[in-house]
Amino acid sequence: MKIAAVVTVIPVAEIGFGFGGGAGREVGAAKTGEGGGGGGRACAKSLGYIEIRDGTATYKPIRDAWRDVVLPLTALVIANALPKAIRALRRQRGRARVTQSSPRRHP
């Protein structure tokens, strides 16, 4: 009988928060009023986890599909399309110059 290895997983996250507030008050005989406000925000993003197995700790990042797949794919498409677009623009400008510089015949 085989004994299963014990694995400990520790999540790693980036956590941020912020708070703000304000107050107001009108001064003067005709102006009356008071005000105040406040707000806050908190967010957490998973970065990865630490896996402890057989006395060895290993950090395993959680990959972001947007940064790891979509952006490089977009850069590849642009890199392939840009030279073709530039050549097409140059051809189009060359044709426009030839048309403008050709002599006109008047009857």
PDB file of N, CA and C in Angstrom:
ATOM      1  N   MET A   1       0.847  -1.167   0.000  1.00  0.00           N
ATOM      2  CA  MET A   1       0.000   0.000   0.000  1.00  0.00           C
ATOM      3  C   MET A   1       0.895   1.234   0.000  1.00  0.00           C
ATOM      4  N   LYS A   2       0.567   2.168  -0.885  1.00  0.00           N
ATOM      5  CA  LYS A   2       1.349   3.379  -1.033  1.00  0.00           C
ATOM      6  C   LYS A   2       0.690   4.513  -0.255  1.00  0.00           C
ATOM      7  N   ILE A   3       1.500   5.267   0.484  1.00  0.00           N
ATOM      8  CA  ILE A   3       0.977   6.400   1.242  1.00  0.00           C
ATOM      9  C   ILE A   3       1.093   7.643   0.374  1.00  0.00           C
ATOM     10  N   ALA A   4      -0.007   8.393   0.284  1.00  0.00           N
ATOM     11  CA  ALA A   4      -0.015   9.612  -0.521  1.00  0.00           C
ATOM     12  C   ALA A   4       0.832  10.681   0.145  1.00  0.00           C
ATOM     13  N   ALA A   5       1.543  11.444  -0.690  1.00  0.00           N
ATOM     14  CA  ALA A   5       2.377  12.526  -0.180  1.00  0.00           C
ATOM     15  C   ALA A   5       1.482  13.670   0.291  1.00  0.00           C
ATOM     16  N   VAL A   6       1.920  14.320   1.356  1.00  0.00           N
ATOM     17  CA  VAL A   6       1.184  15.468   1.874  1.00  0.00           C
ATOM     18  C   VAL A   6       1.644  16.710   1.106  1.00  0.00           C
ATOM     19  N   VAL A   7       0.686  17.449   0.589  1.00  0.00           N
ATOM     20  CA  VAL A   7       0.977  18.669  -0.163  1.00  0.00           C
ATOM     21  C   VAL A   7       0.287  19.829   0.536  1.00  0.00           C
ATOM     22  N   THR A   8       1.041  20.887   0.798  1.00  0.00           N
ATOM     23  CA  THR A   8       0.490  22.102   1.390  1.00  0.00           C
ATOM     24  C   THR A   8       0.486  23.188   0.330  1.00  0.00           C
ATOM     25  N   VAL A   9      -0.639  23.869   0.187  1.00  0.00           N
ATOM     26  CA  VAL A   9      -0.772  24.935  -0.797  1.00  0.00           C
ATOM     27  C   VAL A   9      -1.055  26.249  -0.063  1.00  0.00           C
ATOM     28  N   ILE A  10      -0.229  27.259  -0.353  1.00  0.00           N
ATOM     29  CA  ILE A  10      -0.386  28.580   0.264  1.00  0.00           C
ATOM     30  C   ILE A  10      -0.679  29.584  -0.855  1.00  0.00           C
ATOM     31  N   PRO A  11      -1.852  30.196  -0.854  1.00  0.00           N
ATOM     32  CA  PRO A  11      -2.165  31.164  -1.910  1.00  0.00           C
ATOM     33  C   PRO A  11      -1.350  32.453  -1.749  1.00  0.00           C
ATOM     34  N   VAL A  12      -0.991  33.054  -2.884  1.00  0.00           N
ATOM     35  CA  VAL A  12      -0.268  34.318  -2.906  1.00  0.00           C
ATOM     36  C   VAL A  12      -1.116  35.312  -3.689  1.00  0.00           C
ATOM     37  N   ALA A  13      -1.400  36.463  -3.076  1.00  0.00           N
ATOM     38  CA  ALA A  13      -2.258  37.464  -3.720  1.00  0.00           C
ATOM     39  C   ALA A  13      -1.717  38.854  -3.468  1.00  0.00           C
ATOM     40  N   GLU A  14      -2.101  39.758  -4.363  1.00  0.00           N
ATOM     41  CA  GLU A  14      -1.796  41.174  -4.193  1.00  0.00           C
ATOM     42  C   GLU A  14      -3.086  41.844  -3.745  1.00  0.00           C
ATOM     43  N   ILE A  15      -3.016  42.564  -2.643  1.00  0.00           N
ATOM     44  CA  ILE A  15      -4.216  43.181  -2.080  1.00  0.00           C
ATOM     45  C   ILE A  15      -3.964  44.677  -1.957  1.00  0.00           C
ATOM     46  N   GLY A  16      -4.962  45.470  -2.354  1.00  0.00           N
ATOM     47  CA  GLY A  16      -4.840  46.913  -2.247  1.00  0.00           C
ATOM     48  C   GLY A  16      -6.144  47.519  -1.763  1.00  0.00           C
ATOM     49  N   PHE A  17      -6.034  48.665  -1.109  1.00  0.00           N
ATOM     50  CA  PHE A  17      -7.239  49.348  -0.649  1.00  0.00           C
ATOM     51  C   PHE A  17      -6.952  50.840  -0.564  1.00  0.00           C
ATOM     52  N   GLY A  18      -8.013  51.617  -0.596  1.00  0.00           N
ATOM     53  CA  GLY A  18      -7.883  53.060  -0.475  1.00  0.00           C
ATOM     54  C   GLY A  18      -9.162  53.662   0.072  1.00  0.00           C
ATOM     55  N   PHE A  19      -9.010  54.762   0.737  1.00  0.00           N
ATOM     56  CA  PHE A  19     -10.155  55.445   1.328  1.00  0.00           C
ATOM     57  C   PHE A  19     -10.022  56.935   1.064  1.00  0.00           C
ATOM     58  N   GLY A  20     -11.153  57.612   1.006  1.00  0.00           N
ATOM     59  CA  GLY A  20     -11.147  59.058   0.824  1.00  0.00           C
ATOM     60  C   GLY A  20     -12.367  59.657   1.492  1.00  0.00           C
ATOM     61  N   GLY A  21     -12.284  60.912   1.763  1.00  0.00           N
ATOM     62  CA  GLY A  21     -13.415  61.577   2.403  1.00  0.00           C
ATOM     63  C   GLY A  21     -13.325  63.077   2.200  1.00  0.00           C
ATOM     64  N   GLY A  22     -14.414  63.740   2.459  1.00  0.00           N
ATOM     65  CA  GLY A  22     -14.428  65.183   2.322  1.00  0.00           C
ATOM     66  C   GLY A  22     -15.597  65.780   3.077  1.00  0.00           C
ATOM     67  N   ALA A  23     -15.536  67.070   3.256  1.00  0.00           N
ATOM     68  CA  ALA A  23     -16.605  67.783   3.946  1.00  0.00           C
ATOM     69  C   ALA A  23     -16.713  69.171   3.334  1.00  0.00           C
ATOM     70  N   GLY A  24     -17.884  69.771   3.419  1.00  0.00           N
ATOM     71  CA  GLY A  24     -18.083  71.105   2.887  1.00  0.00           C
ATOM     72  C   GLY A  24     -19.021  71.903   3.765  1.00  0.00           C
ATOM     73  N   ARG A  25     -18.918  73.220   3.614  1.00  0.00           N
ATOM     74  CA  ARG A  25     -19.791  74.078   4.405  1.00  0.00           C
ATOM     75  C   ARG A  25     -19.870  75.428   3.709  1.00  0.00           C
ATOM     76  N   GLU A  26     -21.048  75.940   3.546  1.00  0.00           N
ATOM     77  CA  GLU A  26     -21.262  77.245   2.930  1.00  0.00           C
ATOM     78  C   GLU A  26     -21.159  78.319   4.009  1.00  0.00           C
ATOM     79  N   VAL A  27     -20.581  79.432   3.650  1.00  0.00           N
ATOM     80  CA  VAL A  27     -20.426  80.541   4.596  1.00  0.00           C
ATOM     81  C   VAL A  27     -21.154  81.747   4.020  1.00  0.00           C
ATOM     82  N   GLY A  28     -21.819  82.480   4.851  1.00  0.00           N
ATOM     83  CA  GLY A  28     -22.497  83.695   4.411  1.00  0.00           C
ATOM     84  C   GLY A  28     -23.914  83.726   4.917  1.00  0.00           C
ATOM     85  N   ALA A  29     -24.545  84.900   4.826  1.00  0.00           N
ATOM     86  CA  ALA A  29     -25.902  85.075   5.340  1.00  0.00           C
ATOM     87  C   ALA A  29     -26.929  84.321   4.506  1.00  0.00           C
ATOM     88  N   ALA A  30     -26.809  84.372   3.172  1.00  0.00           N
ATOM     89  CA  ALA A  30     -27.812  83.733   2.310  1.00  0.00           C
ATOM     90  C   ALA A  30     -27.502  82.262   2.047  1.00  0.00           C
ATOM     91  N   LYS A  31     -26.295  81.875   2.224  1.00  0.00           N
ATOM     92  CA  LYS A  31     -25.890  80.508   1.910  1.00  0.00           C
ATOM     93  C   LYS A  31     -25.901  79.656   3.170  1.00  0.00           C
ATOM     94  N   THR A  32     -26.722  78.652   3.155  1.00  0.00           N
ATOM     95  CA  THR A  32     -26.728  77.712   4.277  1.00  0.00           C
ATOM     96  C   THR A  32     -26.613  76.315   3.716  1.00  0.00           C
ATOM     97  N   GLY A  33     -25.875  75.507   4.335  1.00  0.00           N
ATOM     98  CA  GLY A  33     -25.746  74.122   3.892  1.00  0.00           C
ATOM     99  C   GLY A  33     -24.482  73.498   4.433  1.00  0.00           C
ATOM    100  N   GLU A  34     -24.522  72.225   4.544  1.00  0.00           N
ATOM    101  CA  GLU A  34     -23.367  71.453   4.958  1.00  0.00           C
ATOM    102  C   GLU A  34     -23.318  70.207   4.100  1.00  0.00           C
ATOM    103  N   GLY A  35     -22.175  69.619   3.986  1.00  0.00           N
ATOM    104  CA  GLY A  35     -22.060  68.393   3.200  1.00  0.00           C
ATOM    105  C   GLY A  35     -20.887  67.569   3.664  1.00  0.00           C
ATOM    106  N   GLY A  36     -20.884  66.370   3.255  1.00  0.00           N
ATOM    107  CA  GLY A  36     -19.786  65.473   3.599  1.00  0.00           C
ATOM    108  C   GLY A  36     -19.893  64.217   2.751  1.00  0.00           C
ATOM    109  N   GLY A  37     -18.842  63.506   2.652  1.00  0.00           N
ATOM    110  CA  GLY A  37     -18.863  62.281   1.863  1.00  0.00           C
ATOM    111  C   GLY A  37     -17.618  61.462   2.098  1.00  0.00           C
ATOM    112  N   GLY A  38     -17.683  60.267   1.680  1.00  0.00           N
ATOM    113  CA  GLY A  38     -16.543  59.381   1.838  1.00  0.00           C
ATOM    114  C   GLY A  38     -16.721  58.151   0.981  1.00  0.00           C
ATOM    115  N   GLY A  39     -15.663  57.436   0.807  1.00  0.00           N
ATOM    116  CA  GLY A  39     -15.733  56.223   0.009  1.00  0.00           C
ATOM    117  C   GLY A  39     -14.471  55.406   0.184  1.00  0.00           C
ATOM    118  N   GLY A  40     -14.536  54.233  -0.326  1.00  0.00           N
ATOM    119  CA  GLY A  40     -13.384  53.353  -0.224  1.00  0.00           C
ATOM    120  C   GLY A  40     -13.437  52.280  -1.287  1.00  0.00           C
ATOM    121  N   ARG A  41     -12.315  51.633  -1.472  1.00  0.00           N
ATOM    122  CA  ARG A  41     -12.232  50.551  -2.454  1.00  0.00           C
ATOM    123  C   ARG A  41     -11.188  49.557  -1.979  1.00  0.00           C
ATOM    124  N   ALA A  42     -11.467  48.306  -2.238  1.00  0.00           N
ATOM    125  CA  ALA A  42     -10.511  47.242  -1.955  1.00  0.00           C
ATOM    126  C   ALA A  42     -10.525  46.267  -3.123  1.00  0.00           C
ATOM    127  N   CYS A  43      -9.367  45.695  -3.443  1.00  0.00           N
ATOM    128  CA  CYS A  43      -9.305  44.702  -4.514  1.00  0.00           C
ATOM    129  C   CYS A  43      -8.217  43.679  -4.177  1.00  0.00           C
ATOM    130  N   ALA A  44      -8.380  42.522  -4.746  1.00  0.00           N
ATOM    131  CA  ALA A  44      -7.398  41.447  -4.559  1.00  0.00           C
ATOM    132  C   ALA A  44      -7.197  40.745  -5.893  1.00  0.00           C
ATOM    133  N   LYS A  45      -5.948  40.404  -6.192  1.00  0.00           N
ATOM    134  CA  LYS A  45      -5.620  39.728  -7.446  1.00  0.00           C
ATOM    135  C   LYS A  45      -4.760  38.506  -7.119  1.00  0.00           C
ATOM    136  N   SER A  46      -5.161  37.354  -7.608  1.00  0.00           N
ATOM    137  CA  SER A  46      -4.388  36.138  -7.392  1.00  0.00           C
ATOM    138  C   SER A  46      -3.119  36.184  -8.222  1.00  0.00           C
ATOM    139  N   LEU A  47      -1.987  35.959  -7.597  1.00  0.00           N
ATOM    140  CA  LEU A  47      -0.715  35.951  -8.317  1.00  0.00           C
ATOM    141  C   LEU A  47      -0.183  34.540  -8.527  1.00  0.00           C
ATOM    142  N   GLY A  48      -0.468  33.658  -7.598  1.00  0.00           N
ATOM    143  CA  GLY A  48       0.034  32.298  -7.699  1.00  0.00           C
ATOM    144  C   GLY A  48      -0.148  31.578  -6.381  1.00  0.00           C
ATOM    145  N   TYR A  49       0.648  30.544  -6.200  1.00  0.00           N
ATOM    146  CA  TYR A  49       0.583  29.795  -4.949  1.00  0.00           C
ATOM    147  C   TYR A  49       1.925  29.134  -4.686  1.00  0.00           C
ATOM    148  N   ILE A  50       2.167  28.874  -3.415  1.00  0.00           N
ATOM    149  CA  ILE A  50       3.374  28.158  -3.006  1.00  0.00           C
ATOM    150  C   ILE A  50       2.956  26.730  -2.682  1.00  0.00           C
ATOM    151  N   GLU A  51       3.614  25.796  -3.330  1.00  0.00           N
ATOM    152  CA  GLU A  51       3.311  24.376  -3.120  1.00  0.00           C
ATOM    153  C   GLU A  51       4.464  23.754  -2.334  1.00  0.00           C
ATOM    154  N   ILE A  52       4.136  23.179  -1.189  1.00  0.00           N
ATOM    155  CA  ILE A  52       5.143  22.507  -0.367  1.00  0.00           C
ATOM    156  C   ILE A  52       4.884  21.013  -0.447  1.00  0.00           C
ATOM    157  N   ARG A  53       5.843  20.309  -1.037  1.00  0.00           N
ATOM    158  CA  ARG A  53       5.716  18.846  -1.225  1.00  0.00           C
ATOM    159  C   ARG A  53       7.060  18.210  -0.873  1.00  0.00           C
ATOM    160  N   ASP A  54       7.048  17.230  -0.038  1.00  0.00           N
ATOM    161  CA  ASP A  54       8.257  16.501   0.383  1.00  0.00           C
ATOM    162  C   ASP A  54       9.348  17.438   0.899  1.00  0.00           C
ATOM    163  N   GLY A  55       8.955  18.479   1.641  1.00  0.00           N
ATOM    164  CA  GLY A  55       9.922  19.395   2.229  1.00  0.00           C
ATOM    165  C   GLY A  55      10.481  20.427   1.261  1.00  0.00           C
ATOM    166  N   THR A  56       9.979  20.473   0.026  1.00  0.00           N
ATOM    167  CA  THR A  56      10.451  21.434  -0.974  1.00  0.00           C
ATOM    168  C   THR A  56       9.330  22.399  -1.317  1.00  0.00           C
ATOM    169  N   ALA A  57       9.627  23.705  -1.226  1.00  0.00           N
ATOM    170  CA  ALA A  57       8.641  24.727  -1.557  1.00  0.00           C
ATOM    171  C   ALA A  57       8.901  25.232  -2.969  1.00  0.00           C
ATOM    172  N   THR A  58       7.832  25.318  -3.756  1.00  0.00           N
ATOM    173  CA  THR A  58       7.914  25.793  -5.138  1.00  0.00           C
ATOM    174  C   THR A  58       6.820  26.822  -5.372  1.00  0.00           C
ATOM    175  N   TYR A  59       7.211  27.964  -5.936  1.00  0.00           N
ATOM    176  CA  TYR A  59       6.224  28.990  -6.291  1.00  0.00           C
ATOM    177  C   TYR A  59       5.691  28.699  -7.688  1.00  0.00           C
ATOM    178  N   LYS A  60       4.376  28.691  -7.837  1.00  0.00           N
ATOM    179  CA  LYS A  60       3.718  28.436  -9.127  1.00  0.00           C
ATOM    180  C   LYS A  60       2.870  29.663  -9.470  1.00  0.00           C
ATOM    181  N   PRO A  61       3.291  30.444 -10.461  1.00  0.00           N
ATOM    182  CA  PRO A  61       2.497  31.628 -10.816  1.00  0.00           C
ATOM    183  C   PRO A  61       1.218  31.242 -11.549  1.00  0.00           C
ATOM    184  N   ILE A  62       0.188  32.046 -11.365  1.00  0.00           N
ATOM    185  CA  ILE A  62      -1.043  31.883 -12.133  1.00  0.00           C
ATOM    186  C   ILE A  62      -0.907  32.803 -13.326  1.00  0.00           C
ATOM    187  N   ARG A  63      -0.911  32.244 -14.518  1.00  0.00           N
ATOM    188  CA  ARG A  63      -0.671  33.005 -15.734  1.00  0.00           C
ATOM    189  C   ARG A  63      -1.905  33.795 -16.124  1.00  0.00           C
ATOM    190  N   ASP A  64      -1.671  34.990 -16.626  1.00  0.00           N
ATOM    191  CA  ASP A  64      -2.736  35.862 -17.121  1.00  0.00           C
ATOM    192  C   ASP A  64      -2.881  35.619 -18.618  1.00  0.00           C
ATOM    193  N   ALA A  65      -4.020  35.078 -19.035  1.00  0.00           N
ATOM    194  CA  ALA A  65      -4.225  34.744 -20.442  1.00  0.00           C
ATOM    195  C   ALA A  65      -4.137  35.982 -21.329  1.00  0.00           C
ATOM    196  N   TRP A  66      -4.605  37.116 -20.860  1.00  0.00           N
ATOM    197  CA  TRP A  66      -4.566  38.345 -21.657  1.00  0.00           C
ATOM    198  C   TRP A  66      -3.119  38.732 -21.968  1.00  0.00           C
ATOM    199  N   ARG A  67      -2.289  38.747 -20.960  1.00  0.00           N
ATOM    200  CA  ARG A  67      -0.905  39.169 -21.140  1.00  0.00           C
ATOM    201  C   ARG A  67      -0.073  38.097 -21.837  1.00  0.00           C
ATOM    202  N   ASP A  68      -0.361  36.832 -21.599  1.00  0.00           N
ATOM    203  CA  ASP A  68       0.472  35.762 -22.131  1.00  0.00           C
ATOM    204  C   ASP A  68       0.061  35.279 -23.513  1.00  0.00           C
ATOM    205  N   VAL A  69      -1.190  35.506 -23.922  1.00  0.00           N
ATOM    206  CA  VAL A  69      -1.653  34.996 -25.202  1.00  0.00           C
ATOM    207  C   VAL A  69      -2.131  36.109 -26.125  1.00  0.00           C
ATOM    208  N   VAL A  70      -3.050  36.919 -25.668  1.00  0.00           N
ATOM    209  CA  VAL A  70      -3.694  37.896 -26.536  1.00  0.00           C
ATOM    210  C   VAL A  70      -2.716  38.978 -26.994  1.00  0.00           C
ATOM    211  N   LEU A  71      -1.948  39.549 -26.107  1.00  0.00           N
ATOM    212  CA  LEU A  71      -1.019  40.613 -26.501  1.00  0.00           C
ATOM    213  C   LEU A  71       0.061  40.122 -27.469  1.00  0.00           C
ATOM    214  N   PRO A  72       0.726  38.996 -27.218  1.00  0.00           N
ATOM    215  CA  PRO A  72       1.699  38.525 -28.217  1.00  0.00           C
ATOM    216  C   PRO A  72       1.056  38.184 -29.560  1.00  0.00           C
ATOM    217  N   LEU A  73      -0.147  37.626 -29.536  1.00  0.00           N
ATOM    218  CA  LEU A  73      -0.832  37.306 -30.785  1.00  0.00           C
ATOM    219  C   LEU A  73      -1.172  38.576 -31.558  1.00  0.00           C
ATOM    220  N   THR A  74      -1.620  39.607 -30.857  1.00  0.00           N
ATOM    221  CA  THR A  74      -1.915  40.886 -31.495  1.00  0.00           C
ATOM    222  C   THR A  74      -0.646  41.496 -32.086  1.00  0.00           C
ATOM    223  N   ALA A  75       0.443  41.445 -31.354  1.00  0.00           N
ATOM    224  CA  ALA A  75       1.716  41.972 -31.862  1.00  0.00           C
ATOM    225  C   ALA A  75       2.163  41.215 -33.108  1.00  0.00           C
ATOM    226  N   LEU A  76       1.961  39.917 -33.143  1.00  0.00           N
ATOM    227  CA  LEU A  76       2.325  39.110 -34.303  1.00  0.00           C
ATOM    228  C   LEU A  76       1.496  39.490 -35.525  1.00  0.00           C
ATOM    229  N   VAL A  77       0.203  39.672 -35.337  1.00  0.00           N
ATOM    230  CA  VAL A  77      -0.673  40.057 -36.455  1.00  0.00           C
ATOM    231  C   VAL A  77      -0.277  41.431 -36.985  1.00  0.00           C
ATOM    232  N   ILE A  78      -0.019  42.383 -36.091  1.00  0.00           N
ATOM    233  CA  ILE A  78       0.386  43.726 -36.518  1.00  0.00           C
ATOM    234  C   ILE A  78       1.728  43.682 -37.235  1.00  0.00           C
ATOM    235  N   ALA A  79       2.667  42.907 -36.706  1.00  0.00           N
ATOM    236  CA  ALA A  79       3.989  42.807 -37.329  1.00  0.00           C
ATOM    237  C   ALA A  79       3.897  42.228 -38.737  1.00  0.00           C
ATOM    238  N   ASN A  80       2.959  41.326 -38.980  1.00  0.00           N
ATOM    239  CA  ASN A  80       2.794  40.760 -40.316  1.00  0.00           C
ATOM    240  C   ASN A  80       2.028  41.690 -41.245  1.00  0.00           C
ATOM    241  N   ALA A  81       1.065  42.430 -40.718  1.00  0.00           N
ATOM    242  CA  ALA A  81       0.223  43.277 -41.560  1.00  0.00           C
ATOM    243  C   ALA A  81       0.850  44.632 -41.862  1.00  0.00           C
ATOM    244  N   LEU A  82       1.668  45.158 -40.982  1.00  0.00           N
ATOM    245  CA  LEU A  82       2.215  46.502 -41.141  1.00  0.00           C
ATOM    246  C   LEU A  82       3.063  46.669 -42.398  1.00  0.00           C
ATOM    247  N   PRO A  83       4.010  45.777 -42.714  1.00  0.00           N
ATOM    248  CA  PRO A  83       4.788  45.957 -43.945  1.00  0.00           C
ATOM    249  C   PRO A  83       3.913  45.940 -45.203  1.00  0.00           C
ATOM    250  N   LYS A  84       2.904  45.102 -45.224  1.00  0.00           N
ATOM    251  CA  LYS A  84       2.003  45.052 -46.384  1.00  0.00           C
ATOM    252  C   LYS A  84       1.230  46.356 -46.524  1.00  0.00           C
ATOM    253  N   ALA A  85       0.788  46.916 -45.409  1.00  0.00           N
ATOM    254  CA  ALA A  85       0.050  48.182 -45.445  1.00  0.00           C
ATOM    255  C   ALA A  85       0.957  49.320 -45.911  1.00  0.00           C
ATOM    256  N   ILE A  86       2.190  49.324 -45.458  1.00  0.00           N
ATOM    257  CA  ILE A  86       3.133  50.370 -45.874  1.00  0.00           C
ATOM    258  C   ILE A  86       3.415  50.265 -47.372  1.00  0.00           C
ATOM    259  N   ARG A  87       3.632  49.047 -47.881  1.00  0.00           N
ATOM    260  CA  ARG A  87       3.859  48.868 -49.324  1.00  0.00           C
ATOM    261  C   ARG A  87       2.655  49.331 -50.127  1.00  0.00           C
ATOM    262  N   ALA A  88       1.462  49.017 -49.671  1.00  0.00           N
ATOM    263  CA  ALA A  88       0.251  49.435 -50.378  1.00  0.00           C
ATOM    264  C   ALA A  88       0.135  50.954 -50.400  1.00  0.00           C
ATOM    265  N   LEU A  89       0.436  51.618 -49.303  1.00  0.00           N
ATOM    266  CA  LEU A  89       0.397  53.086 -49.254  1.00  0.00           C
ATOM    267  C   LEU A  89       1.432  53.695 -50.187  1.00  0.00           C
ATOM    268  N   ARG A  90       2.623  53.127 -50.227  1.00  0.00           N
ATOM    269  CA  ARG A  90       3.665  53.639 -51.125  1.00  0.00           C
ATOM    270  C   ARG A  90       3.258  53.478 -52.586  1.00  0.00           C
ATOM    271  N   ARG A  91       2.673  52.336 -52.938  1.00  0.00           N
ATOM    272  CA  ARG A  91       2.199  52.129 -54.316  1.00  0.00           C
ATOM    273  C   ARG A  91       1.124  53.136 -54.665  1.00  0.00           C
ATOM    274  N   GLN A  92       0.207  53.358 -53.728  1.00  0.00           N
ATOM    275  CA  GLN A  92      -0.888  54.293 -53.964  1.00  0.00           C
ATOM    276  C   GLN A  92      -0.359  55.715 -54.140  1.00  0.00           C
ATOM    277  N   ARG A  93       0.602  56.130 -53.331  1.00  0.00           N
ATOM    278  CA  ARG A  93       1.193  57.466 -53.469  1.00  0.00           C
ATOM    279  C   ARG A  93       1.975  57.581 -54.770  1.00  0.00           C
ATOM    280  N   GLY A  94       2.654  56.519 -55.150  1.00  0.00           N
ATOM    281  CA  GLY A  94       3.395  56.530 -56.422  1.00  0.00           C
ATOM    282  C   GLY A  94       2.462  56.711 -57.607  1.00  0.00           C
ATOM    283  N   ARG A  95       1.323  56.061 -57.605  1.00  0.00           N
ATOM    284  CA  ARG A  95       0.331  56.212 -58.676  1.00  0.00           C
ATOM    285  C   ARG A  95      -0.227  57.628 -58.695  1.00  0.00           C
ATOM    286  N   ALA A  96      -0.455  58.190 -57.514  1.00  0.00           N
ATOM    287  CA  ALA A  96      -0.991  59.555 -57.449  1.00  0.00           C
ATOM    288  C   ALA A  96       0.014  60.543 -58.010  1.00  0.00           C
ATOM    289  N   ARG A  97       1.303  60.365 -57.778  1.00  0.00           N
ATOM    290  CA  ARG A  97       2.333  61.266 -58.308  1.00  0.00           C
ATOM    291  C   ARG A  97       2.417  61.165 -59.821  1.00  0.00           C
ATOM    292  N   VAL A  98       2.332  59.944 -60.334  1.00  0.00           N
ATOM    293  CA  VAL A  98       2.401  59.763 -61.776  1.00  0.00           C
ATOM    294  C   VAL A  98       1.224  60.436 -62.447  1.00  0.00           C
ATOM    295  N   THR A  99       0.054  60.324 -61.881  1.00  0.00           N
ATOM    296  CA  THR A  99      -1.154  60.936 -62.442  1.00  0.00           C
ATOM    297  C   THR A  99      -1.046  62.454 -62.396  1.00  0.00           C
ATOM    298  N   GLN A 100      -0.513  63.008 -61.332  1.00  0.00           N
ATOM    299  CA  GLN A 100      -0.403  64.475 -61.202  1.00  0.00           C
ATOM    300  C   GLN A 100       0.670  65.039 -62.100  1.00  0.00           C
ATOM    301  N   SER A 101       1.767  64.319 -62.314  1.00  0.00           N
ATOM    302  CA  SER A 101       2.883  64.856 -63.079  1.00  0.00           C
ATOM    303  C   SER A 101       2.763  64.626 -64.573  1.00  0.00           C
ATOM    304  N   SER A 102       1.827  63.808 -65.042  1.00  0.00           N
ATOM    305  CA  SER A 102       1.711  63.555 -66.471  1.00  0.00           C
ATOM    306  C   SER A 102       1.145  64.794 -67.173  1.00  0.00           C
ATOM    307  N   PRO A 103       1.694  65.119 -68.365  1.00  0.00           N
ATOM    308  CA  PRO A 103       1.237  66.325 -69.067  1.00  0.00           C
ATOM    309  C   PRO A 103      -0.168  66.145 -69.602  1.00  0.00           C
ATOM    310  N   ARG A 104      -0.897  67.262 -69.552  1.00  0.00           N
ATOM    311  CA  ARG A 104      -2.277  67.230 -70.056  1.00  0.00           C
ATOM    312  C   ARG A 104      -2.291  67.739 -71.488  1.00  0.00           C
ATOM    313  N   ARG A 105      -3.092  67.122 -72.286  1.00  0.00           N
ATOM    314  CA  ARG A 105      -3.226  67.556 -73.668  1.00  0.00           C
ATOM    315  C   ARG A 105      -4.513  68.352 -73.810  1.00  0.00           C
ATOM    316  N   HIS A 106      -4.370  69.509 -74.412  1.00  0.00           N
ATOM    317  CA  HIS A 106      -5.538  70.338 -74.654  1.00  0.00           C
ATOM    318  C   HIS A 106      -5.896  70.261 -76.129  1.00  0.00           C
ATOM    319  N   PRO A 107      -7.129  70.039 -76.469  1.00  0.00           N
ATOM    320  CA  PRO A 107      -7.495  69.960 -77.895  1.00  0.00           C
ATOM    321  C   PRO A 107      -7.507  71.292 -78.599  1.00  0.00           C
TER     322      PRO A 107
END
